[in-house]
Amino acid sequence: KDVDAIQKENLRLKQELEILKKAMAIFARK
């Protein structure tokens, strides 16, 4: 794996984590 692919994967994981955090916050409010 080259560095570019790893960085892209890390970025995608970070974005998914942010979405998860937002979803959890919404569920916690209900």
N, C-alpha and C. Protein backbone atom coordinates (compact mmCIF):
# COMPACT_ATOMS: atom_id res chain seq x y z
N LYS A 1 0.85 -1.22 0.00
CA LYS A 1 0.00 0.00 0.00
C LYS A 1 0.87 1.25 0.00
N ASP A 2 0.54 2.19 -0.86
CA ASP A 2 1.30 3.44 -0.86
C ASP A 2 0.69 4.42 0.13
N VAL A 3 1.46 5.45 0.45
CA VAL A 3 1.06 6.41 1.48
C VAL A 3 -0.26 7.10 1.11
N ASP A 4 -0.42 7.42 -0.17
CA ASP A 4 -1.65 8.10 -0.61
C ASP A 4 -2.90 7.29 -0.27
N ALA A 5 -2.83 6.00 -0.54
CA ALA A 5 -3.99 5.14 -0.28
C ALA A 5 -4.29 5.08 1.21
N ILE A 6 -3.25 5.00 2.02
CA ILE A 6 -3.43 4.94 3.48
C ILE A 6 -4.04 6.24 3.99
N GLN A 7 -3.55 7.38 3.47
CA GLN A 7 -4.08 8.67 3.91
C GLN A 7 -5.55 8.82 3.52
N LYS A 8 -5.89 8.37 2.31
CA LYS A 8 -7.29 8.43 1.86
C LYS A 8 -8.16 7.59 2.76
N GLU A 9 -7.67 6.41 3.13
CA GLU A 9 -8.44 5.51 3.99
C GLU A 9 -8.63 6.13 5.37
N ASN A 10 -7.57 6.73 5.90
CA ASN A 10 -7.66 7.38 7.21
C ASN A 10 -8.67 8.51 7.19
N LEU A 11 -8.66 9.30 6.11
CA LEU A 11 -9.59 10.42 5.98
C LEU A 11 -11.03 9.90 5.97
N ARG A 12 -11.25 8.82 5.23
CA ARG A 12 -12.60 8.24 5.14
C ARG A 12 -13.06 7.74 6.50
N LEU A 13 -12.15 7.11 7.25
CA LEU A 13 -12.49 6.61 8.57
C LEU A 13 -12.84 7.76 9.51
N LYS A 14 -12.07 8.86 9.41
CA LYS A 14 -12.34 10.02 10.26
C LYS A 14 -13.72 10.59 9.96
N GLN A 15 -14.06 10.65 8.67
CA GLN A 15 -15.36 11.19 8.28
C GLN A 15 -16.48 10.29 8.80
N GLU A 16 -16.29 8.98 8.72
CA GLU A 16 -17.31 8.05 9.22
C GLU A 16 -17.47 8.20 10.73
N LEU A 17 -16.36 8.45 11.42
CA LEU A 17 -16.40 8.64 12.86
C LEU A 17 -17.19 9.89 13.21
N GLU A 18 -16.99 10.97 12.45
CA GLU A 18 -17.72 12.22 12.69
C GLU A 18 -19.22 11.99 12.50
N ILE A 19 -19.57 11.25 11.45
CA ILE A 19 -20.99 10.97 11.19
C ILE A 19 -21.58 10.16 12.34
N LEU A 20 -20.81 9.18 12.83
CA LEU A 20 -21.26 8.36 13.95
C LEU A 20 -21.49 9.22 15.20
N LYS A 21 -20.55 10.12 15.46
CA LYS A 21 -20.66 11.00 16.64
C LYS A 21 -21.92 11.85 16.55
N LYS A 22 -22.19 12.38 15.34
CA LYS A 22 -23.38 13.22 15.15
C LYS A 22 -24.64 12.39 15.36
N ALA A 23 -24.64 11.17 14.83
CA ALA A 23 -25.80 10.29 14.99
C ALA A 23 -26.03 9.98 16.46
N MET A 24 -24.97 9.69 17.19
CA MET A 24 -25.09 9.39 18.62
C MET A 24 -25.65 10.59 19.37
N ALA A 25 -25.19 11.79 19.01
CA ALA A 25 -25.67 13.00 19.67
C ALA A 25 -27.17 13.18 19.42
N ILE A 26 -27.60 12.89 18.21
CA ILE A 26 -29.02 13.02 17.88
C ILE A 26 -29.84 12.00 18.67
N PHE A 27 -29.35 10.76 18.74
CA PHE A 27 -30.08 9.72 19.47
C PHE A 27 -30.12 10.04 20.97
N ALA A 28 -29.05 10.63 21.49
CA ALA A 28 -28.97 10.93 22.92
C ALA A 28 -29.99 12.00 23.30
N ARG A 29 -30.31 12.89 22.35
CA ARG A 29 -31.24 13.97 22.65
C ARG A 29 -32.68 13.48 22.78
N LYS A 30 -33.01 12.38 22.09
CA LYS A 30 -34.40 11.90 22.10
C LYS A 30 -34.77 11.28 23.45
